[in-house]
Amino acid sequence: MLDGFSIKNCFNSLHRCILGEGMEWVFDEDTGVVVIRGNGPMPDFGRFLKDRSPWRDVTVRFARIEEGITSIGNNAFYGCRSLEGVEIPSTVTRIGTGAFHGCVSLESIDIPAAVGTIDPFAFYKCKLLEEVVLPEGLEVIPNDAFALCKKLVSVHIPDTVRRIGNHAFYECSALEDAVVPECTEFIGPAAFENCVSLTLTLKNWDTRFDNTAFQGVREVVHNSLSREE
């Protein structure tokens, strides 16, 4: 059991439970909507029965995180296979490790401008996710952040990104266009490996990259120059 976490006094069709100090979650079985409210960072969770998020035990189709929550905890929605959408408030600054890992029904995500940190595996294997706009101010796209998002067609990488981690977009086979900004210093191993539909534009050929970073990419372009992989 997590410190400060209790699922006592949850009602039958409408679950209303304490989630740490000053925070609660409410789940409506009729609609499949979970609402998380309070102030401060959401607790971090594990991936297994003893420490996983409590809404893993119900069928969540939509999550609404209310203003005042400042982070989405590690593994918060890990393995929520029925989750189709999520509303993230403007107060969130961090999306934790594995937060939406394996949310295979998640079709869209609106990442607020205040988010400055996205942790590894945050959106790993979100198979139906089609478009991602990353916020200005983000400096790192971490390891495996969007790996195996097979239907991801479009991603906006902001001009502030300095590093793209290992396997960040590994096997995003539907991804068509992406632009790596001029300030990006390093692209990690297999970052775009097997993005077979991708035309990747590098704004700066001085960007360092691992020799597997673009393996299987359809085309890598810099201004008027191009290099087919």
C-alpha atoms as a PDB file:
ATOM      1  CA  MET A   1       0.000   0.000   0.000  1.00  0.00           C
ATOM      2  CA  LEU A   2       1.277   3.493  -0.843  1.00  0.00           C
ATOM      3  CA  ASP A   3       1.860   5.964   1.984  1.00  0.00           C
ATOM      4  CA  GLY A   4      -1.251   8.034   2.535  1.00  0.00           C
ATOM      5  CA  PHE A   5      -3.308   6.020   0.088  1.00  0.00           C
ATOM      6  CA  SER A   6      -6.645   4.507   1.000  1.00  0.00           C
ATOM      7  CA  ILE A   7      -9.466   2.911  -0.935  1.00  0.00           C
ATOM      8  CA  LYS A   8     -11.753   2.682   2.066  1.00  0.00           C
ATOM      9  CA  ASN A   9     -15.244   4.114   1.879  1.00  0.00           C
ATOM     10  CA  CYS A  10     -15.561   3.728  -1.893  1.00  0.00           C
ATOM     11  CA  PHE A  11     -19.160   3.465  -3.005  1.00  0.00           C
ATOM     12  CA  ASN A  12     -20.554   0.932  -5.439  1.00  0.00           C
ATOM     13  CA  SER A  13     -21.306   2.779  -8.708  1.00  0.00           C
ATOM     14  CA  LEU A  14     -19.490   5.995  -7.799  1.00  0.00           C
ATOM     15  CA  HIS A  15     -16.062   5.398  -6.326  1.00  0.00           C
ATOM     16  CA  ARG A  16     -14.723   8.312  -4.290  1.00  0.00           C
ATOM     17  CA  CYS A  17     -11.411   7.630  -2.638  1.00  0.00           C
ATOM     18  CA  ILE A  18      -8.490   9.352  -0.970  1.00  0.00           C
ATOM     19  CA  LEU A  19      -5.300   9.581  -3.006  1.00  0.00           C
ATOM     20  CA  GLY A  20      -2.687  10.911  -0.643  1.00  0.00           C
ATOM     21  CA  GLU A  21      -2.911  14.094   1.409  1.00  0.00           C
ATOM     22  CA  GLY A  22      -5.298  16.662  -0.049  1.00  0.00           C
ATOM     23  CA  MET A  23      -6.052  14.602  -3.159  1.00  0.00           C
ATOM     24  CA  GLU A  24      -8.851  12.291  -4.224  1.00  0.00           C
ATOM     25  CA  TRP A  25     -10.124  10.378  -7.212  1.00  0.00           C
ATOM     26  CA  VAL A  26     -13.721   9.826  -8.220  1.00  0.00           C
ATOM     27  CA  PHE A  27     -14.792   7.157 -10.689  1.00  0.00           C
ATOM     28  CA  ASP A  28     -18.197   6.821 -12.312  1.00  0.00           C
ATOM     29  CA  GLU A  29     -18.824   3.259 -13.458  1.00  0.00           C
ATOM     30  CA  ASP A  30     -21.693   4.351 -15.719  1.00  0.00           C
ATOM     31  CA  THR A  31     -19.538   6.686 -17.824  1.00  0.00           C
ATOM     32  CA  GLY A  32     -16.077   5.203 -17.294  1.00  0.00           C
ATOM     33  CA  VAL A  33     -14.767   8.648 -16.301  1.00  0.00           C
ATOM     34  CA  VAL A  34     -12.215   9.106 -13.538  1.00  0.00           C
ATOM     35  CA  VAL A  35     -11.685  12.571 -12.067  1.00  0.00           C
ATOM     36  CA  ILE A  36      -8.513  13.300 -10.103  1.00  0.00           C
ATOM     37  CA  ARG A  37      -8.507  16.450  -8.021  1.00  0.00           C
ATOM     38  CA  GLY A  38      -6.387  18.163  -5.411  1.00  0.00           C
ATOM     39  CA  ASN A  39      -3.222  20.202  -5.172  1.00  0.00           C
ATOM     40  CA  GLY A  40       0.402  19.288  -5.765  1.00  0.00           C
ATOM     41  CA  PRO A  41       2.091  16.314  -7.420  1.00  0.00           C
ATOM     42  CA  MET A  42       0.209  13.106  -8.026  1.00  0.00           C
ATOM     43  CA  PRO A  43       1.797  10.132  -6.222  1.00  0.00           C
ATOM     44  CA  ASP A  44       4.129   7.861  -8.164  1.00  0.00           C
ATOM     45  CA  PHE A  45       2.903   4.304  -8.660  1.00  0.00           C
ATOM     46  CA  GLY A  46       4.413   0.950  -9.531  1.00  0.00           C
ATOM     47  CA  ARG A  47       3.471  -1.475 -12.258  1.00  0.00           C
ATOM     48  CA  PHE A  48       2.384  -4.412 -10.144  1.00  0.00           C
ATOM     49  CA  LEU A  49      -0.536  -5.281  -7.883  1.00  0.00           C
ATOM     50  CA  LYS A  50       0.950  -4.127  -4.594  1.00  0.00           C
ATOM     51  CA  ASP A  51       1.691  -0.544  -5.658  1.00  0.00           C
ATOM     52  CA  ARG A  52      -0.191   0.157  -8.880  1.00  0.00           C
ATOM     53  CA  SER A  53      -2.648   3.022  -9.314  1.00  0.00           C
ATOM     54  CA  PRO A  54      -6.092   2.290  -7.827  1.00  0.00           C
ATOM     55  CA  TRP A  55      -8.034   2.957 -11.038  1.00  0.00           C
ATOM     56  CA  ARG A  56      -6.249  -0.007 -12.608  1.00  0.00           C
ATOM     57  CA  ASP A  57      -8.961  -2.071 -10.892  1.00  0.00           C
ATOM     58  CA  VAL A  58     -11.775  -0.379 -12.828  1.00  0.00           C
ATOM     59  CA  THR A  59     -12.394   0.230 -16.535  1.00  0.00           C
ATOM     60  CA  VAL A  60     -11.399   3.835 -17.202  1.00  0.00           C
ATOM     61  CA  ARG A  61     -12.355   5.274 -20.604  1.00  0.00           C
ATOM     62  CA  PHE A  62     -11.612   8.934 -19.916  1.00  0.00           C
ATOM     63  CA  ALA A  63      -9.501  10.690 -17.286  1.00  0.00           C
ATOM     64  CA  ARG A  64      -9.963  14.284 -16.212  1.00  0.00           C
ATOM     65  CA  ILE A  65      -7.175  15.700 -14.101  1.00  0.00           C
ATOM     66  CA  GLU A  66      -8.281  18.955 -12.504  1.00  0.00           C
ATOM     67  CA  GLU A  67      -6.423  22.243 -12.066  1.00  0.00           C
ATOM     68  CA  GLY A  68      -4.086  22.165  -9.069  1.00  0.00           C
ATOM     69  CA  ILE A  69      -2.461  18.833  -9.877  1.00  0.00           C
ATOM     70  CA  THR A  70       1.166  19.584 -10.818  1.00  0.00           C
ATOM     71  CA  SER A  71       2.405  16.230 -12.094  1.00  0.00           C
ATOM     72  CA  ILE A  72       1.169  12.923 -13.479  1.00  0.00           C
ATOM     73  CA  GLY A  73       2.829  10.236 -11.404  1.00  0.00           C
ATOM     74  CA  ASN A  74       4.994   7.397 -12.625  1.00  0.00           C
ATOM     75  CA  ASN A  75       2.865   4.585 -14.095  1.00  0.00           C
ATOM     76  CA  ALA A  76      -0.300   6.527 -13.266  1.00  0.00           C
ATOM     77  CA  PHE A  77      -2.248   5.038 -16.183  1.00  0.00           C
ATOM     78  CA  TYR A  78       0.098   2.164 -16.979  1.00  0.00           C
ATOM     79  CA  GLY A  79      -1.786  -0.597 -18.763  1.00  0.00           C
ATOM     80  CA  CYS A  80      -5.145   1.229 -18.801  1.00  0.00           C
ATOM     81  CA  ARG A  81      -6.073  -0.438 -22.066  1.00  0.00           C
ATOM     82  CA  SER A  82      -9.549   1.124 -22.304  1.00  0.00           C
ATOM     83  CA  LEU A  83      -8.391   4.723 -21.800  1.00  0.00           C
ATOM     84  CA  GLU A  84      -9.432   6.694 -24.885  1.00  0.00           C
ATOM     85  CA  GLY A  85      -8.780  10.268 -23.768  1.00  0.00           C
ATOM     86  CA  VAL A  86      -7.325  12.387 -21.006  1.00  0.00           C
ATOM     87  CA  GLU A  87      -7.691  16.015 -19.995  1.00  0.00           C
ATOM     88  CA  ILE A  88      -4.485  17.447 -18.531  1.00  0.00           C
ATOM     89  CA  PRO A  89      -4.687  20.825 -16.749  1.00  0.00           C
ATOM     90  CA  SER A  90      -2.430  23.812 -17.309  1.00  0.00           C
ATOM     91  CA  THR A  91      -0.909  23.309 -13.842  1.00  0.00           C
ATOM     92  CA  VAL A  92       0.878  20.067 -14.790  1.00  0.00           C
ATOM     93  CA  THR A  93       4.636  20.483 -15.303  1.00  0.00           C
ATOM     94  CA  ARG A  94       5.765  16.836 -15.383  1.00  0.00           C
ATOM     95  CA  ILE A  95       4.542  13.605 -16.964  1.00  0.00           C
ATOM     96  CA  GLY A  96       6.137  10.708 -15.123  1.00  0.00           C
ATOM     97  CA  THR A  97       7.849   7.531 -16.237  1.00  0.00           C
ATOM     98  CA  GLY A  98       5.449   5.121 -17.917  1.00  0.00           C
ATOM     99  CA  ALA A  99       2.516   7.416 -17.147  1.00  0.00           C
ATOM    100  CA  PHE A 100       0.545   6.233 -20.211  1.00  0.00           C
ATOM    101  CA  HIS A 101       2.581   3.136 -21.034  1.00  0.00           C
ATOM    102  CA  GLY A 102       0.440   0.608 -22.898  1.00  0.00           C
ATOM    103  CA  CYS A 103      -2.672   2.792 -23.187  1.00  0.00           C
ATOM    104  CA  VAL A 104      -3.488   1.074 -26.457  1.00  0.00           C
ATOM    105  CA  SER A 105      -6.843   2.861 -26.942  1.00  0.00           C
ATOM    106  CA  LEU A 106      -5.541   6.402 -26.359  1.00  0.00           C
ATOM    107  CA  GLU A 107      -6.180   8.353 -29.556  1.00  0.00           C
ATOM    108  CA  SER A 108      -5.094  11.881 -28.687  1.00  0.00           C
ATOM    109  CA  ILE A 109      -3.181  13.841 -26.089  1.00  0.00           C
ATOM    110  CA  ASP A 110      -3.013  17.585 -25.467  1.00  0.00           C
ATOM    111  CA  ILE A 111       0.186  18.331 -23.564  1.00  0.00           C
ATOM    112  CA  PRO A 112      -0.035  21.699 -21.766  1.00  0.00           C
ATOM    113  CA  ALA A 113       2.517  24.463 -22.330  1.00  0.00           C
ATOM    114  CA  ALA A 114       3.721  24.256 -18.713  1.00  0.00           C
ATOM    115  CA  VAL A 115       5.043  20.695 -19.100  1.00  0.00           C
ATOM    116  CA  GLY A 116       8.824  20.934 -18.985  1.00  0.00           C
ATOM    117  CA  THR A 117       9.608  17.310 -18.176  1.00  0.00           C
ATOM    118  CA  ILE A 118       8.437  14.125 -19.868  1.00  0.00           C
ATOM    119  CA  ASP A 119       9.999  11.008 -18.396  1.00  0.00           C
ATOM    120  CA  PRO A 120      11.001   7.770 -20.176  1.00  0.00           C
ATOM    121  CA  PHE A 121       8.315   5.424 -21.519  1.00  0.00           C
ATOM    122  CA  ALA A 122       5.648   8.088 -20.904  1.00  0.00           C
ATOM    123  CA  PHE A 123       3.640   7.172 -24.028  1.00  0.00           C
ATOM    124  CA  TYR A 124       5.262   3.840 -24.898  1.00  0.00           C
ATOM    125  CA  LYS A 125       3.076   1.602 -27.054  1.00  0.00           C
ATOM    126  CA  CYS A 126       0.122   4.005 -27.323  1.00  0.00           C
ATOM    127  CA  LYS A 127      -0.849   2.248 -30.519  1.00  0.00           C
ATOM    128  CA  LEU A 128      -3.705   4.559 -31.603  1.00  0.00           C
ATOM    129  CA  LEU A 129      -2.047   7.901 -30.841  1.00  0.00           C
ATOM    130  CA  GLU A 130      -1.909   9.877 -34.103  1.00  0.00           C
ATOM    131  CA  GLU A 131      -0.561  13.353 -33.356  1.00  0.00           C
ATOM    132  CA  VAL A 132       1.663  14.915 -30.717  1.00  0.00           C
ATOM    133  CA  VAL A 133       2.538  18.564 -30.214  1.00  0.00           C
ATOM    134  CA  LEU A 134       5.338  18.881 -27.688  1.00  0.00           C
ATOM    135  CA  PRO A 135       5.401  22.162 -25.730  1.00  0.00           C
ATOM    136  CA  GLU A 136       7.932  24.930 -26.189  1.00  0.00           C
ATOM    137  CA  GLY A 137      10.431  24.830 -23.349  1.00  0.00           C
ATOM    138  CA  LEU A 138      10.829  21.054 -23.407  1.00  0.00           C
ATOM    139  CA  GLU A 139      14.555  20.277 -23.627  1.00  0.00           C
ATOM    140  CA  VAL A 140      14.655  16.472 -23.620  1.00  0.00           C
ATOM    141  CA  ILE A 141      12.566  13.854 -25.390  1.00  0.00           C
ATOM    142  CA  PRO A 142      13.486  10.896 -23.207  1.00  0.00           C
ATOM    143  CA  ASN A 143      14.256   7.282 -23.958  1.00  0.00           C
ATOM    144  CA  ASP A 144      11.327   5.301 -25.395  1.00  0.00           C
ATOM    145  CA  ALA A 145       8.904   8.202 -24.891  1.00  0.00           C
ATOM    146  CA  PHE A 146       6.837   7.390 -28.010  1.00  0.00           C
ATOM    147  CA  ALA A 147       8.321   4.054 -29.062  1.00  0.00           C
ATOM    148  CA  LEU A 148       5.924   1.659 -30.805  1.00  0.00           C
ATOM    149  CA  CYS A 149       3.240   4.309 -31.336  1.00  0.00           C
ATOM    150  CA  LYS A 150       2.391   2.603 -34.600  1.00  0.00           C
ATOM    151  CA  LYS A 151      -0.239   5.105 -35.778  1.00  0.00           C
ATOM    152  CA  LEU A 152       1.639   8.275 -34.885  1.00  0.00           C
ATOM    153  CA  VAL A 153       1.608  10.345 -38.079  1.00  0.00           C
ATOM    154  CA  SER A 154       2.732  13.764 -36.888  1.00  0.00           C
ATOM    155  CA  VAL A 155       4.984  15.102 -34.137  1.00  0.00           C
ATOM    156  CA  HIS A 156       5.975  18.695 -33.476  1.00  0.00           C
ATOM    157  CA  ILE A 157       9.435  18.941 -31.896  1.00  0.00           C
ATOM    158  CA  PRO A 158       9.878  22.395 -30.344  1.00  0.00           C
ATOM    159  CA  ASP A 159      12.918  24.565 -30.994  1.00  0.00           C
ATOM    160  CA  THR A 160      14.010  24.137 -27.371  1.00  0.00           C
ATOM    161  CA  VAL A 161      14.753  20.392 -27.577  1.00  0.00           C
ATOM    162  CA  ARG A 162      18.457  19.705 -27.034  1.00  0.00           C
ATOM    163  CA  ARG A 163      18.419  15.919 -26.797  1.00  0.00           C
ATOM    164  CA  ILE A 164      16.330  13.117 -28.289  1.00  0.00           C
ATOM    165  CA  GLY A 165      16.767   9.932 -26.302  1.00  0.00           C
ATOM    166  CA  ASN A 166      17.351   6.309 -27.213  1.00  0.00           C
ATOM    167  CA  HIS A 167      14.405   4.692 -29.029  1.00  0.00           C
ATOM    168  CA  ALA A 168      12.357   7.873 -28.538  1.00  0.00           C
ATOM    169  CA  PHE A 169      10.304   7.218 -31.703  1.00  0.00           C
ATOM    170  CA  TYR A 170      11.380   3.637 -32.369  1.00  0.00           C
ATOM    171  CA  GLU A 171       9.152   1.874 -34.920  1.00  0.00           C
ATOM    172  CA  CYS A 172       6.689   4.730 -35.293  1.00  0.00           C
ATOM    173  CA  SER A 173       6.075   3.285 -38.726  1.00  0.00           C
ATOM    174  CA  ALA A 174       3.304   5.728 -39.740  1.00  0.00           C
ATOM    175  CA  LEU A 175       5.282   8.861 -38.830  1.00  0.00           C
ATOM    176  CA  GLU A 176       5.587  10.956 -41.985  1.00  0.00           C
ATOM    177  CA  ASP A 177       7.359  14.216 -41.147  1.00  0.00           C
ATOM    178  CA  ALA A 178       9.468  15.514 -38.298  1.00  0.00           C
ATOM    179  CA  VAL A 179      11.870  18.427 -37.970  1.00  0.00           C
ATOM    180  CA  VAL A 180      14.826  18.288 -35.579  1.00  0.00           C
ATOM    181  CA  PRO A 181      15.584  21.861 -34.477  1.00  0.00           C
ATOM    182  CA  GLU A 182      18.887  23.638 -34.812  1.00  0.00           C
ATOM    183  CA  CYS A 183      19.631  23.609 -31.085  1.00  0.00           C
ATOM    184  CA  THR A 184      19.414  19.812 -30.802  1.00  0.00           C
ATOM    185  CA  GLU A 185      22.837  18.556 -29.719  1.00  0.00           C
ATOM    186  CA  PHE A 186      22.394  14.781 -29.723  1.00  0.00           C
ATOM    187  CA  ILE A 187      20.075  12.091 -31.085  1.00  0.00           C
ATOM    188  CA  GLY A 188      20.394   8.756 -29.337  1.00  0.00           C
ATOM    189  CA  PRO A 189      20.643   5.177 -30.608  1.00  0.00           C
ATOM    190  CA  ALA A 190      17.615   3.963 -32.585  1.00  0.00           C
ATOM    191  CA  ALA A 191      15.784   7.214 -31.855  1.00  0.00           C
ATOM    192  CA  PHE A 192      13.949   7.035 -35.201  1.00  0.00           C
ATOM    193  CA  GLU A 193      14.820   3.454 -36.153  1.00  0.00           C
ATOM    194  CA  ASN A 194      12.303   1.760 -38.460  1.00  0.00           C
ATOM    195  CA  CYS A 195      10.255   4.923 -38.968  1.00  0.00           C
ATOM    196  CA  VAL A 196       9.841   3.657 -42.502  1.00  0.00           C
ATOM    197  CA  SER A 197       7.478   6.414 -43.697  1.00  0.00           C
ATOM    198  CA  LEU A 198       9.480   9.285 -42.247  1.00  0.00           C
ATOM    199  CA  THR A 199      11.089  12.221 -43.988  1.00  0.00           C
ATOM    200  CA  LEU A 200      13.245  13.655 -41.212  1.00  0.00           C
ATOM    201  CA  THR A 201      14.595  17.185 -41.543  1.00  0.00           C
ATOM    202  CA  LEU A 202      17.740  18.142 -39.630  1.00  0.00           C
ATOM    203  CA  LYS A 203      18.196  21.885 -39.252  1.00  0.00           C
ATOM    204  CA  ASN A 204      21.802  21.451 -38.151  1.00  0.00           C
ATOM    205  CA  TRP A 205      24.178  18.841 -39.566  1.00  0.00           C
ATOM    206  CA  ASP A 206      26.436  19.490 -36.562  1.00  0.00           C
ATOM    207  CA  THR A 207      23.904  17.670 -34.412  1.00  0.00           C
ATOM    208  CA  ARG A 208      25.634  14.545 -33.128  1.00  0.00           C
ATOM    209  CA  PHE A 209      23.787  11.277 -33.582  1.00  0.00           C
ATOM    210  CA  ASP A 210      24.345   7.582 -33.069  1.00  0.00           C
ATOM    211  CA  ASN A 211      24.829   5.591 -36.245  1.00  0.00           C
ATOM    212  CA  THR A 212      21.597   3.688 -35.600  1.00  0.00           C
ATOM    213  CA  ALA A 213      19.518   6.819 -34.961  1.00  0.00           C
ATOM    214  CA  PHE A 214      18.018   6.899 -38.467  1.00  0.00           C
ATOM    215  CA  GLN A 215      18.241   3.232 -39.421  1.00  0.00           C
ATOM    216  CA  GLY A 216      15.281   2.335 -41.619  1.00  0.00           C
ATOM    217  CA  VAL A 217      14.139   5.960 -42.027  1.00  0.00           C
ATOM    218  CA  ARG A 218      12.864   6.724 -45.515  1.00  0.00           C
ATOM    219  CA  GLU A 219      14.806   9.964 -45.951  1.00  0.00           C
ATOM    220  CA  VAL A 220      16.943  12.388 -43.948  1.00  0.00           C
ATOM    221  CA  VAL A 221      16.997  15.960 -45.258  1.00  0.00           C
ATOM    222  CA  HIS A 222      19.018  19.078 -44.530  1.00  0.00           C
ATOM    223  CA  ASN A 223      17.903  22.158 -46.446  1.00  0.00           C
ATOM    224  CA  SER A 224      18.267  21.264 -50.136  1.00  0.00           C
ATOM    225  CA  LEU A 225      20.432  18.211 -49.407  1.00  0.00           C
ATOM    226  CA  SER A 226      19.054  14.791 -48.731  1.00  0.00           C
ATOM    227  CA  ARG A 227      20.400  11.413 -47.800  1.00  0.00           C
ATOM    228  CA  GLU A 228      18.378   8.257 -48.294  1.00  0.00           C
ATOM    229  CA  GLU A 229      18.946   5.614 -45.665  1.00  0.00           C
END
